[in-house]
C-alpha atoms as a PDB file:
ATOM      1  CA  MET A   1      40.669  25.122-164.683  1.00  0.00           C
ATOM      2  CA  GLU A   2      43.781  26.800-163.363  1.00  0.00           C
ATOM      3  CA  THR A   3      43.748  27.902-159.744  1.00  0.00           C
ATOM      4  CA  ILE A   4      45.603  30.892-158.338  1.00  0.00           C
ATOM      5  CA  PHE A   5      48.134  28.559-156.709  1.00  0.00           C
ATOM      6  CA  ASN A   6      49.003  26.887-160.008  1.00  0.00           C
ATOM      7  CA  SER A   7      49.459  30.239-161.723  1.00  0.00           C
ATOM      8  CA  LEU A   8      52.256  31.312-159.348  1.00  0.00           C
ATOM      9  CA  LYS A   9      55.719  30.685-160.715  1.00  0.00           C
ATOM     10  CA  LYS A  10      57.490  28.435-158.248  1.00  0.00           C
ATOM     11  CA  SER A  11      60.984  27.282-157.581  1.00  0.00           C
ATOM     12  CA  VAL A  12      62.457  24.821-155.107  1.00  0.00           C
ATOM     13  CA  CYS A  13      64.966  25.857-152.468  1.00  0.00           C
ATOM     14  CA  THR A  14      68.148  23.813-152.908  1.00  0.00           C
ATOM     15  CA  ASP A  15      68.837  23.879-149.149  1.00  0.00           C
ATOM     16  CA  CYS A  16      65.505  23.010-147.507  1.00  0.00           C
ATOM     17  CA  GLY A  17      63.551  21.708-150.538  1.00  0.00           C
ATOM     18  CA  ARG A  18      60.462  23.834-150.008  1.00  0.00           C
ATOM     19  CA  ASP A  19      58.520  25.490-152.807  1.00  0.00           C
ATOM     20  CA  ILE A  20      59.036  29.231-153.102  1.00  0.00           C
ATOM     21  CA  GLN A  21      58.085  31.889-155.615  1.00  0.00           C
ATOM     22  CA  LYS A  22      60.692  32.437-158.342  1.00  0.00           C
ATOM     23  CA  ASP A  23      60.987  36.174-157.686  1.00  0.00           C
ATOM     24  CA  PHE A  24      62.227  35.582-154.124  1.00  0.00           C
ATOM     25  CA  ILE A  25      65.963  36.100-153.720  1.00  0.00           C
ATOM     26  CA  PHE A  26      66.027  34.352-150.329  1.00  0.00           C
ATOM     27  CA  CYS A  27      64.116  31.347-149.082  1.00  0.00           C
ATOM     28  CA  PRO A  28      61.542  32.577-146.530  1.00  0.00           C
ATOM     29  CA  TRP A  29      61.960  29.376-144.472  1.00  0.00           C
ATOM     30  CA  CYS A  30      65.706  28.807-144.268  1.00  0.00           C
ATOM     31  CA  GLY A  31      67.081  32.155-145.517  1.00  0.00           C
ATOM     32  CA  SER A  32      69.410  30.744-148.136  1.00  0.00           C
ATOM     33  CA  SER A  33      70.052  32.686-151.318  1.00  0.00           C
ATOM     34  CA  VAL A  34      67.849  31.439-154.131  1.00  0.00           C
ATOM     35  CA  ASN A  35      68.331  33.567-157.213  1.00  0.00           C
ATOM     36  CA  LYS A  36      71.881  34.887-157.524  1.00  0.00           C
ATOM     37  CA  ASP A  37      71.119  36.861-160.706  1.00  0.00           C
ATOM     38  CA  LYS A  38      68.207  38.662-159.051  1.00  0.00           C
ATOM     39  CA  GLN A  39      70.330  39.366-155.971  1.00  0.00           C
ATOM     40  CA  ILE A  40      73.144  40.828-158.092  1.00  0.00           C
ATOM     41  CA  GLU A  41      70.611  42.889-160.051  1.00  0.00           C
ATOM     42  CA  ASN A  42      69.133  44.282-156.811  1.00  0.00           C
ATOM     43  CA  ILE A  43      72.582  45.156-155.465  1.00  0.00           C
ATOM     44  CA  ALA A  44      73.519  46.907-158.723  1.00  0.00           C
ATOM     45  CA  LEU A  45      70.234  48.808-158.686  1.00  0.00           C
ATOM     46  CA  HIS A  46      70.800  49.870-155.076  1.00  0.00           C
ATOM     47  CA  GLU A  47      74.331  51.006-155.904  1.00  0.00           C
ATOM     48  CA  GLU A  48      73.075  53.052-158.854  1.00  0.00           C
ATOM     49  CA  ASN A  49      70.397  54.673-156.671  1.00  0.00           C
ATOM     50  CA  MET A  50      73.011  55.564-154.047  1.00  0.00           C
ATOM     51  CA  ARG A  51      75.244  57.064-156.747  1.00  0.00           C
ATOM     52  CA  ILE A  52      72.338  59.155-158.066  1.00  0.00           C
ATOM     53  CA  LYS A  53      71.506  60.394-154.551  1.00  0.00           C
ATOM     54  CA  TRP A  54      75.146  61.329-153.969  1.00  0.00           C
ATOM     55  CA  HIS A  55      75.265  63.311-157.236  1.00  0.00           C
ATOM     56  CA  GLU A  56      71.997  65.062-156.397  1.00  0.00           C
ATOM     57  CA  GLU A  57      73.396  66.078-153.007  1.00  0.00           C
ATOM     58  CA  GLN A  58      76.587  67.356-154.652  1.00  0.00           C
ATOM     59  CA  LEU A  59      74.478  69.419-157.070  1.00  0.00           C
ATOM     60  CA  ARG A  60      72.470  70.890-154.179  1.00  0.00           C
ATOM     61  CA  GLN A  61      75.672  71.841-152.354  1.00  0.00           C
ATOM     62  CA  ASP A  62      77.164  73.368-155.503  1.00  0.00           C
ATOM     63  CA  ALA A  63      73.974  75.359-156.131  1.00  0.00           C
ATOM     64  CA  LYS A  64      74.111  76.718-152.575  1.00  0.00           C
ATOM     65  CA  ILE A  65      77.753  77.717-152.992  1.00  0.00           C
ATOM     66  CA  LEU A  66      76.936  79.485-156.268  1.00  0.00           C
ATOM     67  CA  ASP A  67      74.010  81.321-154.625  1.00  0.00           C
ATOM     68  CA  ASP A  68      76.270  82.471-151.786  1.00  0.00           C
ATOM     69  CA  LEU A  69      78.928  83.643-154.242  1.00  0.00           C
ATOM     70  CA  GLU A  70      76.325  85.503-156.272  1.00  0.00           C
ATOM     71  CA  LYS A  71      75.149  87.342-153.123  1.00  0.00           C
ATOM     72  CA  GLU A  72      78.734  88.273-152.229  1.00  0.00           C
ATOM     73  CA  LEU A  73      79.459  89.465-155.761  1.00  0.00           C
ATOM     74  CA  THR A  74      76.289  91.553-155.790  1.00  0.00           C
ATOM     75  CA  ALA A  75      77.360  93.160-152.498  1.00  0.00           C
ATOM     76  CA  TYR A  76      80.809  93.960-153.936  1.00  0.00           C
ATOM     77  CA  VAL A  77      79.280  95.477-157.065  1.00  0.00           C
ATOM     78  CA  VAL A  78      76.984  97.654-154.985  1.00  0.00           C
ATOM     79  CA  CYS A  79      79.915  98.774-152.799  1.00  0.00           C
ATOM     80  CA  ALA A  80      81.990  99.569-155.886  1.00  0.00           C
ATOM     81  CA  GLN A  81      79.169 101.609-157.418  1.00  0.00           C
ATOM     82  CA  LEU A  82      78.630 103.541-154.185  1.00  0.00           C
ATOM     83  CA  SER A  83      82.323 104.382-153.861  1.00  0.00           C
ATOM     84  CA  ARG A  84      82.400 106.112-157.278  1.00  0.00           C
END
């Protein structure tokens, strides 16, 4: 019979020697980096999320600029029509 503790995937910290879960990127006892691949993956994911947020903000700013230009153009068209 397998217990819940046996079903957890474990790894051993190379610095302090304690058992830790494999999905940890840092040892909870000594703080050393455990899984370099997972750490690099998390950093790349964070960078991609930041890039997406930056592009979304740029799109929002561009949309606001276009809205402002549309309002100005509408005002100019109305003025031109009234001056005829």
